[in-house]
Amino acid sequence: MVYDYDDVNPDDYIRSKSQVKRDMHALQALGESLIHMNEKQLAQIPLSEQMLDAIYIARKMPPKEARRRQIQYIGRLMREGNHEEIQAAVEKIQNRNDQYIHRQHQIERYRDLLIEGDKQVFQTLVTSCPGIDVQHLRQLIRAAQKEREENKPAASARKLFGFIREQLEAQD
């Protein structure tokens, strides 16, 4: 017997019980991530009133059995609703957060290298930010270096960090 696999539609098959459970757990994990988001982030996600109510209720519950059941309920609401749109919105928010964290780490590296006296990073920063106040930048670097030598609190290092961040944001 010869099978013609071109006529087979994968959507015609019934999903296995294991696949259904994996999908259900993924939606519950998505629901749990919604519980940990702040109000500004939740406002960016297309959620129904019923879903928002369920999220607010889950937030108030201690992390025990009742909260687990509430998260299961949120997962069920997502299966019935538009979970693809919710997933896409959550991923967009997480990507923005990841970009912000990456940017903060980049600024920290610049600051640390400048305090250590790296001339190449200094030159890179000056050329990438044409309107930068070079004299003020040098003053901040010297003050941060002095603080580090004297083992004082890093107030100037924080000012240097803020200055670098302002300059890089002005370029965006």
Protein backbone atom coordinates (compact mmCIF):
# COMPACT_ATOMS: atom_id res chain seq x y z
CA MET A 1 0.00 0.00 0.00
CA VAL A 2 1.35 3.44 -0.98
CA TYR A 3 0.55 6.49 1.12
CA ASP A 4 0.19 9.93 -0.38
CA TYR A 5 1.44 12.28 2.34
CA ASP A 6 0.74 15.40 0.29
CA ASP A 7 -2.97 15.10 1.04
CA VAL A 8 -2.47 14.85 4.82
CA ASN A 9 -3.49 17.92 6.79
CA PRO A 10 -1.80 18.11 10.21
CA ASP A 11 -4.74 20.12 11.57
CA ASP A 12 -7.01 17.09 11.06
CA TYR A 13 -5.22 15.16 13.79
CA ILE A 14 -6.32 15.31 17.39
CA ARG A 15 -3.69 16.66 19.76
CA SER A 16 -2.37 14.18 22.27
CA LYS A 17 -3.27 14.47 25.93
CA SER A 18 0.37 15.28 26.68
CA GLN A 19 0.36 18.14 24.16
CA VAL A 20 -2.85 19.52 25.63
CA LYS A 21 -1.25 19.48 29.10
CA ARG A 22 1.91 21.19 27.82
CA ASP A 23 -0.19 23.90 26.19
CA MET A 24 -2.24 24.30 29.37
CA HIS A 25 0.90 24.66 31.53
CA ALA A 26 2.35 27.20 29.09
CA LEU A 27 -0.80 29.32 29.36
CA GLN A 28 -0.70 29.05 33.16
CA ALA A 29 2.93 30.21 33.14
CA LEU A 30 1.89 33.13 30.94
CA GLY A 31 -0.90 33.91 33.41
CA GLU A 32 1.56 33.83 36.29
CA SER A 33 3.83 36.28 34.50
CA LEU A 34 0.82 38.60 34.14
CA ILE A 35 0.30 38.47 37.91
CA HIS A 36 3.82 39.80 38.47
CA MET A 37 3.49 42.72 36.03
CA ASN A 38 2.81 46.27 37.18
CA GLU A 39 -0.25 48.31 36.20
CA LYS A 40 1.52 50.15 33.37
CA GLN A 41 2.59 46.89 31.77
CA LEU A 42 -0.86 45.31 32.18
CA ALA A 43 -2.44 48.31 30.46
CA GLN A 44 -0.43 47.49 27.33
CA ILE A 45 -1.85 43.96 27.10
CA PRO A 46 -5.26 43.24 25.54
CA LEU A 47 -7.01 41.66 28.54
CA SER A 48 -10.71 41.23 29.16
CA GLU A 49 -12.31 42.59 32.33
CA GLN A 50 -12.81 39.03 33.54
CA MET A 51 -9.11 38.29 33.02
CA LEU A 52 -8.05 41.48 34.84
CA ASP A 53 -10.33 40.61 37.76
CA ALA A 54 -8.83 37.13 37.96
CA ILE A 55 -5.30 38.60 37.93
CA TYR A 56 -6.10 41.08 40.71
CA ILE A 57 -7.65 38.33 42.82
CA ALA A 58 -4.60 36.09 42.32
CA ARG A 59 -2.28 38.92 43.39
CA LYS A 60 -4.02 39.12 46.76
CA MET A 61 -3.77 35.40 47.46
CA PRO A 62 -0.88 33.84 49.35
CA PRO A 63 1.19 31.48 47.17
CA LYS A 64 -0.61 28.33 48.22
CA GLU A 65 -3.24 25.99 46.79
CA ALA A 66 -5.91 28.64 46.21
CA ARG A 67 -3.52 30.76 44.17
CA ARG A 68 -2.53 27.71 42.11
CA ARG A 69 -6.20 27.10 41.30
CA GLN A 70 -6.63 30.79 40.44
CA ILE A 71 -3.70 30.55 38.03
CA GLN A 72 -5.34 27.50 36.45
CA TYR A 73 -8.50 29.59 36.05
CA ILE A 74 -6.50 32.36 34.36
CA GLY A 75 -5.04 29.74 32.01
CA ARG A 76 -8.55 28.54 31.17
CA LEU A 77 -9.67 32.10 30.46
CA MET A 78 -6.72 32.47 28.10
CA ARG A 79 -7.58 29.27 26.25
CA GLU A 80 -11.07 30.65 25.69
CA GLY A 81 -9.78 34.10 24.72
CA ASN A 82 -7.06 35.60 22.58
CA HIS A 83 -3.95 34.08 24.13
CA GLU A 84 -1.86 34.65 20.98
CA GLU A 85 -2.31 38.42 21.27
CA ILE A 86 -1.57 38.30 25.00
CA GLN A 87 1.59 36.25 24.40
CA ALA A 88 2.77 38.67 21.71
CA ALA A 89 2.19 41.69 23.98
CA VAL A 90 4.01 40.05 26.91
CA GLU A 91 6.98 39.17 24.68
CA LYS A 92 7.10 42.76 23.42
CA ILE A 93 7.22 44.08 27.00
CA GLN A 94 9.91 41.55 27.97
CA ASN A 95 12.00 42.50 24.93
CA ARG A 96 11.80 46.17 25.92
CA ASN A 97 12.87 45.26 29.46
CA ASP A 98 15.76 43.19 28.12
CA GLN A 99 16.88 46.10 25.91
CA TYR A 100 16.72 48.48 28.89
CA ILE A 101 18.78 46.12 31.05
CA HIS A 102 21.31 45.67 28.25
CA ARG A 103 21.60 49.45 27.89
CA GLN A 104 22.13 49.85 31.66
CA HIS A 105 24.90 47.23 31.62
CA GLN A 106 26.54 48.96 28.67
CA ILE A 107 26.55 52.29 30.55
CA GLU A 108 27.99 50.56 33.64
CA ARG A 109 30.82 49.09 31.52
CA TYR A 110 31.57 52.52 30.04
CA ARG A 111 31.62 54.07 33.52
CA ASP A 112 33.89 51.39 34.98
CA LEU A 113 36.31 51.55 32.06
CA LEU A 114 36.42 55.35 32.21
CA ILE A 115 37.19 55.24 35.93
CA GLU A 116 39.97 52.73 35.24
CA GLY A 117 41.43 55.24 32.75
CA ASP A 118 40.63 53.57 29.42
CA LYS A 119 41.44 56.26 26.81
CA GLN A 120 39.87 54.30 23.96
CA VAL A 121 36.45 54.19 25.65
CA PHE A 122 36.79 57.89 26.42
CA GLN A 123 37.48 58.65 22.76
CA THR A 124 34.63 56.38 21.61
CA LEU A 125 32.20 58.15 23.94
CA VAL A 126 33.35 61.61 22.81
CA THR A 127 33.06 60.74 19.11
CA SER A 128 29.67 58.98 19.45
CA CYS A 129 28.19 61.93 21.40
CA PRO A 130 29.19 65.07 19.45
CA GLY A 131 27.60 67.56 21.87
CA ILE A 132 29.20 66.10 25.00
CA ASP A 133 30.82 68.44 27.52
CA VAL A 134 34.30 66.88 27.54
CA GLN A 135 35.57 69.01 30.41
CA HIS A 136 32.64 68.03 32.64
CA LEU A 137 33.14 64.37 31.69
CA ARG A 138 36.82 64.54 32.69
CA GLN A 139 35.90 66.20 36.00
CA LEU A 140 33.41 63.43 36.78
CA ILE A 141 35.97 60.76 35.91
CA ARG A 142 38.65 62.34 38.12
CA ALA A 143 36.22 62.70 41.03
CA ALA A 144 35.13 59.06 40.67
CA GLN A 145 38.75 57.91 40.52
CA LYS A 146 39.56 59.90 43.65
CA GLU A 147 36.57 58.39 45.49
CA ARG A 148 37.69 54.90 44.51
CA GLU A 149 41.26 55.53 45.71
CA GLU A 150 40.01 56.87 49.06
CA ASN A 151 37.38 54.09 49.45
CA LYS A 152 34.59 56.64 49.75
CA PRO A 153 30.96 56.09 48.72
CA ALA A 154 30.52 56.17 44.94
CA ALA A 155 28.54 59.42 44.62
CA SER A 156 30.67 60.71 41.73
CA ALA A 157 30.49 57.33 40.01
CA ARG A 158 26.69 57.58 40.12
CA LYS A 159 26.87 61.11 38.69
CA LEU A 160 29.16 59.82 35.95
CA PHE A 161 26.72 57.01 35.20
CA GLY A 162 23.85 59.51 34.94
CA PHE A 163 25.87 61.80 32.71
CA ILE A 164 26.81 58.97 30.34
CA ARG A 165 23.18 57.80 30.23
CA GLU A 166 21.95 61.33 29.38
CA GLN A 167 24.50 61.67 26.60
CA LEU A 168 23.67 58.29 25.05
CA GLU A 169 19.93 58.90 25.29
CA ALA A 170 20.36 62.26 23.56
CA GLN A 171 21.88 60.39 20.61
CA ASP A 172 18.93 57.97 20.23
